[in-house]
């Protein structure tokens, strides 16, 4: 967790300076790649070398040139990540500075360490004497101090959370994706440079979030730190279309519905002591869906809606449906729910859904249940009572 002093005293200009150096590096690597291709690699292309050895050399030299190219991609991605980080940090630092200035205008002092206190120095001797004899006034002042302290702490926390996202991105960008390995291209080094390096912090945060959600879905052991990181990712990127679409695209509609069911199973059946953690994640997931499905003209919207049409009528496991004590006429523990039922349950945890999405979703649900549209009027039928605080 960063401190107020660290945020306020750090020279953010060093990020853009470093970004410039990475850009220069990419340019130098380009020169080396060109020289390598025109000299060393060119030897294998001439008529003076034949036989099995030239084939081996061509493969090896092509792999080396590939790494020079991948190194450029990785360097440019790091440059972009550093500039993205600078933009984020500069904006968040301005918000912290604004919070400090507002606190001072409200009659507070803010130390270099970010500690808020009531500014007695601004009081006249008469006001100071009256203040010491006014318990209600002292209580009001303490409340004001606490309010401004929390406000500043929240702004520091926002910078710290953004910093964690940058750390994730910088750690992931240097990992070789091997997208052109295993016969798909010239990549012959499994731990080389990353030819699929991305320059958006949110992309790497989304991929990390997808990994955690996938492990939760699979029933793997997931640490408290991972749950906290997933919650942070949802919260910190609530308004990032890049993050939310990348996350949901990676999960797919089917696994997204499995995930919300898994969170409900954990909250209401398997781990009630951690209920709030899972409900917070469900809220984050719901808001992720809301943000991602804002533009009906986008490719993501169209593709994900088509996935929902299929997954919406599929059957999914959900403990509260399978284990309901008054489920009859079926073997206990077998009843499943439809995807759209899970989706609507999920959406109740979020808000801000676009009108086009709500209209399209309602139309798709009607098609699933309307006999005139080829639907099944009984598609939503469940046995058991699912009303009340938890069962509902």
Protein backbone atom coordinates (compact mmCIF):
# COMPACT_ATOMS: atom_id res chain seq x y z
CA UNK A 1 0.00 0.00 0.00
CA UNK A 2 1.45 3.33 -1.05
CA UNK A 3 1.59 6.21 1.41
CA UNK A 4 0.40 9.78 0.95
CA UNK A 5 3.99 11.01 1.06
CA UNK A 6 5.10 8.54 -1.63
CA UNK A 7 2.31 9.58 -3.96
CA UNK A 8 2.90 13.29 -3.48
CA UNK A 9 6.71 13.16 -3.67
CA UNK A 10 7.29 10.69 -6.51
CA UNK A 11 8.54 12.23 -9.75
CA UNK A 12 6.09 10.84 -12.30
CA UNK A 13 8.11 12.38 -15.13
CA UNK A 14 10.56 9.50 -14.75
CA UNK A 15 7.91 7.22 -16.26
CA UNK A 16 7.81 9.14 -19.52
CA UNK A 17 11.59 9.38 -19.51
CA UNK A 18 11.81 5.60 -19.16
CA UNK A 19 9.15 5.18 -21.84
CA UNK A 20 11.27 7.22 -24.22
CA UNK A 21 14.27 4.95 -23.53
CA UNK A 22 12.17 1.86 -24.34
CA UNK A 23 11.10 3.51 -27.60
CA UNK A 24 14.75 4.18 -28.42
CA UNK A 25 15.54 0.56 -27.62
CA UNK A 26 12.92 -0.66 -30.08
CA UNK A 27 14.53 1.50 -32.76
CA UNK A 28 17.99 0.11 -32.04
CA UNK A 29 16.66 -3.45 -32.12
CA UNK A 30 15.14 -2.73 -35.51
CA UNK A 31 18.56 -1.71 -36.80
CA UNK A 32 20.11 -4.91 -35.44
CA UNK A 33 17.38 -7.03 -37.00
CA UNK A 34 17.94 -5.39 -40.38
CA UNK A 35 21.71 -5.89 -40.20
CA UNK A 36 21.24 -9.51 -39.15
CA UNK A 37 18.89 -10.16 -42.05
CA UNK A 38 21.18 -8.48 -44.57
CA UNK A 39 24.32 -10.24 -43.38
CA UNK A 40 24.07 -13.40 -41.26
CA UNK A 41 20.64 -14.67 -42.36
CA UNK A 42 21.35 -13.82 -45.99
CA UNK A 43 24.14 -16.42 -46.07
CA UNK A 44 21.57 -19.23 -46.01
CA UNK A 45 19.70 -17.79 -48.99
CA UNK A 46 22.54 -17.90 -51.52
CA UNK A 47 23.48 -20.66 -53.97
CA UNK A 48 26.82 -21.47 -52.32
CA UNK A 49 25.40 -23.47 -49.43
CA UNK A 50 23.37 -26.64 -49.88
CA UNK A 51 22.48 -29.85 -48.10
CA UNK A 52 20.83 -30.65 -44.78
CA UNK A 53 22.93 -28.14 -42.89
CA UNK A 54 21.53 -25.18 -44.81
CA UNK A 55 18.00 -26.21 -43.85
CA UNK A 56 18.98 -26.36 -40.20
CA UNK A 57 20.73 -23.02 -40.47
CA UNK A 58 17.73 -21.39 -42.16
CA UNK A 59 15.48 -22.54 -39.32
CA UNK A 60 17.91 -21.38 -36.65
CA UNK A 61 18.63 -18.02 -38.27
CA UNK A 62 14.93 -17.36 -38.89
CA UNK A 63 14.28 -18.06 -35.21
CA UNK A 64 16.98 -15.59 -34.20
CA UNK A 65 15.56 -12.90 -36.46
CA UNK A 66 12.12 -13.62 -35.06
CA UNK A 67 13.43 -12.86 -31.56
CA UNK A 68 14.83 -9.53 -32.74
CA UNK A 69 11.38 -8.68 -34.08
CA UNK A 70 9.61 -9.91 -30.93
CA UNK A 71 11.99 -7.86 -28.79
CA UNK A 72 10.87 -4.73 -30.65
CA UNK A 73 7.20 -5.56 -30.04
CA UNK A 74 7.90 -6.14 -26.37
CA UNK A 75 9.89 -2.92 -26.03
CA UNK A 76 7.13 -0.87 -27.68
CA UNK A 77 4.54 -2.51 -25.41
CA UNK A 78 6.55 -1.64 -22.29
CA UNK A 79 6.82 1.92 -23.57
CA UNK A 80 3.04 2.08 -23.98
CA UNK A 81 2.43 0.59 -20.54
CA UNK A 82 4.71 3.18 -18.92
CA UNK A 83 2.95 6.04 -20.71
CA UNK A 84 -0.42 4.57 -19.73
CA UNK A 85 0.79 4.35 -16.12
CA UNK A 86 1.93 7.98 -16.22
CA UNK A 87 -1.45 9.12 -17.48
CA UNK A 88 -3.28 7.18 -14.77
CA UNK A 89 -0.99 8.26 -11.94
CA UNK A 90 -0.96 11.92 -13.00
CA UNK A 91 -4.76 12.02 -13.01
CA UNK A 92 -5.05 10.25 -9.66
CA UNK A 93 -2.38 12.48 -8.10
CA UNK A 94 -4.31 15.57 -9.22
CA UNK A 95 -7.39 14.17 -7.51
CA UNK A 96 -5.40 13.67 -4.32
CA UNK A 97 -4.05 17.20 -4.53
CA UNK A 98 -7.57 18.50 -5.04
CA UNK A 99 -8.78 16.55 -1.99
CA UNK A 100 -5.96 18.06 0.08
CA UNK A 101 -6.78 21.59 -1.13
CA UNK A 102 -10.47 21.12 -0.38
CA UNK A 103 -9.64 19.91 3.14
CA UNK A 104 -7.52 23.00 3.77
CA UNK A 105 -10.31 25.26 2.49
CA UNK A 106 -12.64 23.50 4.93
CA UNK A 107 -10.44 24.53 7.86
CA UNK A 108 -8.10 21.54 8.09
CA UNK A 109 -4.36 21.07 7.98
CA UNK A 110 -2.78 18.22 6.04
CA UNK A 111 0.73 17.14 6.98
CA UNK A 112 3.40 15.85 4.60
CA UNK A 113 2.40 12.36 5.71
CA UNK A 114 -1.26 12.99 4.87
CA UNK A 115 -2.52 13.34 8.43
CA UNK A 116 -5.55 15.61 8.72
CA UNK A 117 -6.11 17.85 11.74
CA UNK A 118 -8.35 20.76 12.68
CA UNK A 119 -6.56 24.05 11.94
CA UNK A 120 -6.71 25.85 15.30
CA UNK A 121 -4.32 28.52 14.03
CA UNK A 122 -7.08 30.08 11.95
CA UNK A 123 -9.19 30.73 15.07
CA UNK A 124 -9.05 34.03 16.90
CA UNK A 125 -8.25 33.86 20.64
CA UNK A 126 -11.96 34.36 21.40
CA UNK A 127 -12.98 31.61 18.97
CA UNK A 128 -10.34 29.29 20.42
CA UNK A 129 -11.63 29.89 23.95
CA UNK A 130 -15.23 29.29 22.85
CA UNK A 131 -14.18 26.15 21.04
CA UNK A 132 -12.58 24.66 24.18
CA UNK A 133 -15.83 25.20 26.07
CA UNK A 134 -18.08 23.76 23.37
CA UNK A 135 -18.26 19.92 23.48
CA UNK A 136 -20.70 19.82 20.57
CA UNK A 137 -18.36 21.96 18.47
CA UNK A 138 -15.45 19.68 19.29
CA UNK A 139 -17.47 16.63 18.24
CA UNK A 140 -18.40 18.33 14.97
CA UNK A 141 -14.73 19.13 14.33
CA UNK A 142 -13.63 15.56 15.05
CA UNK A 143 -16.27 14.26 12.66
CA UNK A 144 -15.08 16.68 10.00
CA UNK A 145 -11.46 15.62 10.51
CA UNK A 146 -12.43 11.95 10.17
CA UNK A 147 -14.41 12.68 7.02
CA UNK A 148 -11.56 14.51 5.34
CA UNK A 149 -9.04 11.90 6.49
CA UNK A 150 -11.12 9.14 4.90
CA UNK A 151 -11.49 11.19 1.72
CA UNK A 152 -7.74 11.59 1.41
CA UNK A 153 -7.10 7.96 2.35
CA UNK A 154 -9.48 6.86 -0.41
CA UNK A 155 -7.57 8.94 -2.96
CA UNK A 156 -4.28 7.37 -1.83
CA UNK A 157 -5.83 3.92 -2.05
CA UNK A 158 -6.93 4.61 -5.64
CA UNK A 159 -3.32 5.35 -6.61
CA UNK A 160 -2.11 2.24 -4.79
CA UNK A 161 -4.64 0.04 -6.59
CA UNK A 162 -3.69 1.51 -9.96
CA UNK A 163 -0.04 0.88 -9.08
CA UNK A 164 -0.86 -2.78 -8.45
CA UNK A 165 -2.47 -3.02 -11.87
CA UNK A 166 0.68 -1.60 -13.47
CA UNK A 167 2.77 -4.16 -11.60
CA UNK A 168 0.63 -6.98 -13.00
CA UNK A 169 0.99 -5.63 -16.53
CA UNK A 170 4.75 -5.13 -16.34
CA UNK A 171 5.18 -8.63 -14.96
CA UNK A 172 3.07 -10.22 -17.69
CA UNK A 173 4.31 -8.28 -20.71
CA UNK A 174 7.75 -9.94 -20.58
CA UNK A 175 6.39 -13.50 -20.56
CA UNK A 176 6.76 -15.19 -23.95
CA UNK A 177 3.30 -15.91 -25.37
CA UNK A 178 4.76 -18.47 -27.83
CA UNK A 179 2.03 -17.49 -30.27
CA UNK A 180 4.19 -18.51 -33.24
CA UNK A 181 5.82 -21.58 -31.67
CA UNK A 182 5.14 -25.30 -32.07
CA UNK A 183 5.14 -25.21 -35.86
CA UNK A 184 2.95 -22.11 -36.19
CA UNK A 185 5.80 -19.79 -37.19
CA UNK A 186 9.47 -19.02 -36.77
CA UNK A 187 9.47 -18.84 -32.97
CA UNK A 188 12.03 -21.40 -31.84
CA UNK A 189 12.60 -20.10 -28.30
CA UNK A 190 9.97 -20.97 -25.69
CA UNK A 191 11.28 -18.44 -23.17
CA UNK A 192 12.21 -15.65 -25.55
CA UNK A 193 10.74 -12.22 -26.17
CA UNK A 194 6.99 -11.68 -26.26
CA UNK A 195 5.74 -11.17 -29.82
CA UNK A 196 2.20 -10.81 -28.52
CA UNK A 197 3.02 -8.07 -26.01
CA UNK A 198 0.15 -5.63 -25.39
CA UNK A 199 0.41 -1.96 -24.51
CA UNK A 200 -2.75 -1.68 -22.38
CA UNK A 201 -2.58 -2.20 -18.62
CA UNK A 202 -6.26 -3.15 -18.56
CA UNK A 203 -5.69 -6.07 -20.94
CA UNK A 204 -3.25 -7.71 -18.56
CA UNK A 205 -5.46 -7.01 -15.55
CA UNK A 206 -8.36 -8.64 -17.40
CA UNK A 207 -6.32 -11.70 -18.30
CA UNK A 208 -5.21 -12.05 -14.69
CA UNK A 209 -8.82 -11.68 -13.52
CA UNK A 210 -9.90 -14.32 -16.03
CA UNK A 211 -7.27 -16.72 -14.69
CA UNK A 212 -8.53 -16.30 -11.11
CA UNK A 213 -12.20 -16.64 -12.13
CA UNK A 214 -11.39 -19.77 -14.16
CA UNK A 215 -9.68 -21.36 -11.16
CA UNK A 216 -12.68 -20.52 -8.97
CA UNK A 217 -14.96 -22.09 -11.59
CA UNK A 218 -12.84 -25.24 -11.61
CA UNK A 219 -13.02 -25.64 -7.85
CA UNK A 220 -9.27 -25.13 -7.47
CA UNK A 221 -7.84 -23.77 -4.24
CA UNK A 222 -7.87 -19.99 -4.56
CA UNK A 223 -6.11 -17.86 -1.97
CA UNK A 224 -7.65 -14.96 -0.09
CA UNK A 225 -5.13 -12.74 -1.88
CA UNK A 226 -6.48 -13.89 -5.25
CA UNK A 227 -10.07 -13.18 -4.19
CA UNK A 228 -8.98 -9.73 -3.04
CA UNK A 229 -7.13 -9.14 -6.31
CA UNK A 230 -10.18 -10.11 -8.37
CA UNK A 231 -12.34 -7.76 -6.31
CA UNK A 232 -9.77 -4.98 -6.79
CA UNK A 233 -9.69 -5.59 -10.54
CA UNK A 234 -13.47 -5.31 -10.86
CA UNK A 235 -13.59 -2.24 -8.64
CA UNK A 236 -10.61 -0.43 -10.15
CA UNK A 237 -11.72 -1.11 -13.73
CA UNK A 238 -15.47 -0.67 -13.32
CA UNK A 239 -15.51 2.01 -16.01
CA UNK A 240 -12.92 0.46 -18.32
CA UNK A 241 -14.54 -0.98 -21.42
CA UNK A 242 -11.18 -2.45 -22.45
CA UNK A 243 -10.89 -4.42 -19.21
CA UNK A 244 -14.50 -5.59 -19.06
CA UNK A 245 -14.77 -6.68 -22.68
CA UNK A 246 -11.39 -8.43 -22.55
CA UNK A 247 -12.40 -10.25 -19.35
CA UNK A 248 -15.84 -11.34 -20.58
CA UNK A 249 -14.52 -12.23 -24.03
CA UNK A 250 -11.95 -14.48 -22.41
CA UNK A 251 -14.50 -16.10 -20.14
CA UNK A 252 -17.25 -16.45 -22.73
CA UNK A 253 -20.95 -16.35 -21.86
CA UNK A 254 -21.11 -19.96 -20.68
CA UNK A 255 -18.24 -19.66 -18.20
CA UNK A 256 -19.52 -16.27 -17.06
CA UNK A 257 -22.81 -17.90 -16.07
CA UNK A 258 -20.96 -20.78 -14.43
CA UNK A 259 -18.95 -18.20 -12.50
CA UNK A 260 -21.97 -16.35 -11.12
CA UNK A 261 -23.52 -19.67 -10.10
CA UNK A 262 -20.28 -20.68 -8.41
CA UNK A 263 -20.21 -17.41 -6.46
CA UNK A 264 -23.79 -18.02 -5.30
CA UNK A 265 -22.95 -21.60 -4.32
CA UNK A 266 -20.05 -20.33 -2.24
CA UNK A 267 -22.04 -17.49 -0.67
CA UNK A 268 -25.18 -19.44 0.25
CA UNK A 269 -24.03 -23.05 0.54
CA UNK A 270 -20.34 -23.87 0.66
CA UNK A 271 -18.70 -20.99 2.55
CA UNK A 272 -21.26 -18.79 4.26
CA UNK A 273 -18.57 -17.21 6.45
CA UNK A 274 -17.12 -15.58 3.34
CA UNK A 275 -20.51 -14.59 1.95
CA UNK A 276 -19.76 -10.89 1.58
CA UNK A 277 -16.59 -11.59 -0.40
CA UNK A 278 -18.53 -13.60 -2.96
CA UNK A 279 -21.41 -11.14 -3.15
CA UNK A 280 -18.93 -8.30 -3.72
CA UNK A 281 -17.44 -10.28 -6.60
CA UNK A 282 -20.91 -10.92 -8.01
CA UNK A 283 -21.56 -7.18 -7.93
CA UNK A 284 -18.26 -6.57 -9.70
CA UNK A 285 -19.14 -9.17 -12.34
CA UNK A 286 -22.58 -7.64 -12.87
CA UNK A 287 -21.13 -4.17 -13.35
CA UNK A 288 -18.51 -5.62 -15.69
CA UNK A 289 -21.33 -6.97 -17.85
CA UNK A 290 -23.13 -3.63 -17.69
CA UNK A 291 -20.09 -1.69 -18.86
CA UNK A 292 -19.14 -4.16 -21.60
CA UNK A 293 -22.64 -4.25 -23.15
CA UNK A 294 -23.16 -0.52 -23.67
CA UNK A 295 -22.58 -0.30 -27.42
CA UNK A 296 -24.97 -2.48 -29.47
CA UNK A 297 -22.98 -1.74 -32.65
CA UNK A 298 -19.70 -3.15 -31.32
CA UNK A 299 -18.43 -6.55 -32.37
CA UNK A 300 -18.13 -7.61 -28.75
CA UNK A 301 -21.79 -6.79 -28.05
CA UNK A 302 -23.03 -8.76 -31.05
CA UNK A 303 -20.80 -11.76 -30.37
CA UNK A 304 -21.55 -11.92 -26.65
CA UNK A 305 -25.29 -11.56 -27.24
CA UNK A 306 -25.15 -14.54 -29.62
CA UNK A 307 -23.29 -16.53 -26.97
CA UNK A 308 -25.95 -15.58 -24.40
CA UNK A 309 -28.73 -16.78 -26.70
CA UNK A 310 -27.19 -20.25 -26.65
CA UNK A 311 -26.05 -20.33 -23.04
CA UNK A 312 -29.28 -18.71 -21.85
CA UNK A 313 -31.34 -21.85 -22.45
CA UNK A 314 -28.66 -24.34 -21.41
CA UNK A 315 -28.83 -26.02 -18.00
CA UNK A 316 -26.34 -25.16 -15.26
CA UNK A 317 -25.61 -26.51 -11.80
CA UNK A 318 -26.74 -24.34 -8.89
CA UNK A 319 -26.74 -25.74 -5.38
CA UNK A 320 -29.72 -23.72 -4.12
CA UNK A 321 -31.88 -25.23 -6.88
CA UNK A 322 -30.56 -28.77 -6.58
CA UNK A 323 -30.60 -28.95 -2.80
CA UNK A 324 -33.95 -27.27 -2.10
CA UNK A 325 -35.70 -29.48 0.49
CA UNK A 326 -39.05 -29.41 -1.30
CA UNK A 327 -37.79 -30.40 -4.73
CA UNK A 328 -39.94 -33.38 -5.69
CA UNK A 329 -40.40 -35.80 -8.57
CA UNK A 330 -36.65 -35.79 -9.25
CA UNK A 331 -33.75 -37.36 -7.52
CA UNK A 332 -32.47 -34.91 -4.86
CA UNK A 333 -29.49 -32.89 -6.08
CA UNK A 334 -30.16 -33.09 -9.82
CA UNK A 335 -32.29 -30.04 -10.62
CA UNK A 336 -30.51 -27.43 -12.72
CA UNK A 337 -31.29 -23.86 -13.74
CA UNK A 338 -31.32 -22.21 -17.13
CA UNK A 339 -28.62 -19.76 -18.10
CA UNK A 340 -30.98 -16.81 -18.42
CA UNK A 341 -32.22 -17.43 -14.88
CA UNK A 342 -28.64 -17.16 -13.62
CA UNK A 343 -28.04 -14.12 -15.80
CA UNK A 344 -31.03 -12.19 -14.45
CA UNK A 345 -30.06 -13.12 -10.88
CA UNK A 346 -26.58 -11.78 -11.62
CA UNK A 347 -27.85 -8.56 -13.17
CA UNK A 348 -29.83 -7.69 -10.06
CA UNK A 349 -26.47 -7.12 -8.33
CA UNK A 350 -25.43 -4.40 -10.79
CA UNK A 351 -26.88 -1.33 -12.46
CA UNK A 352 -26.43 1.05 -15.37
CA UNK A 353 -27.42 -1.42 -18.09
CA UNK A 354 -28.01 0.18 -21.47
CA UNK A 355 -31.54 0.36 -22.88
CA UNK A 356 -30.52 -1.54 -26.06
CA UNK A 357 -29.11 -4.41 -23.98
CA UNK A 358 -32.23 -4.64 -21.82
CA UNK A 359 -34.49 -4.57 -24.87
CA UNK A 360 -32.41 -7.16 -26.75
CA UNK A 361 -32.18 -9.40 -23.70
CA UNK A 362 -35.93 -9.22 -23.07
CA UNK A 363 -36.59 -10.06 -26.71
CA UNK A 364 -34.20 -13.01 -26.61
CA UNK A 365 -35.78 -14.34 -23.43
CA UNK A 366 -39.22 -14.04 -25.01
CA UNK A 367 -38.00 -16.03 -28.02
CA UNK A 368 -36.84 -18.75 -25.63
CA UNK A 369 -40.26 -19.02 -23.96
CA UNK A 370 -42.77 -18.00 -26.65
CA UNK A 371 -44.24 -20.96 -28.48
CA UNK A 372 -45.05 -18.73 -31.47
CA UNK A 373 -41.33 -18.05 -31.82
CA UNK A 374 -40.37 -21.68 -31.46
CA UNK A 375 -39.73 -21.37 -27.74
CA UNK A 376 -40.77 -23.55 -24.80
CA UNK A 377 -43.38 -22.05 -22.41
CA UNK A 378 -42.14 -24.39 -19.66
CA UNK A 379 -38.45 -23.60 -20.10
CA UNK A 380 -38.17 -21.77 -16.75
CA UNK A 381 -40.10 -24.27 -14.64
CA UNK A 382 -38.42 -25.32 -11.41
CA UNK A 383 -39.71 -27.50 -8.60
CA UNK A 384 -39.51 -26.02 -5.14
CA UNK A 385 -40.10 -22.69 -3.46
CA UNK A 386 -37.50 -20.06 -4.28
CA UNK A 387 -38.97 -17.07 -2.51
CA UNK A 388 -37.67 -15.21 0.51
CA UNK A 389 -34.41 -13.53 1.48
CA UNK A 390 -32.04 -16.28 0.33
CA UNK A 391 -34.12 -18.63 -1.80
CA UNK A 392 -35.34 -15.78 -3.99
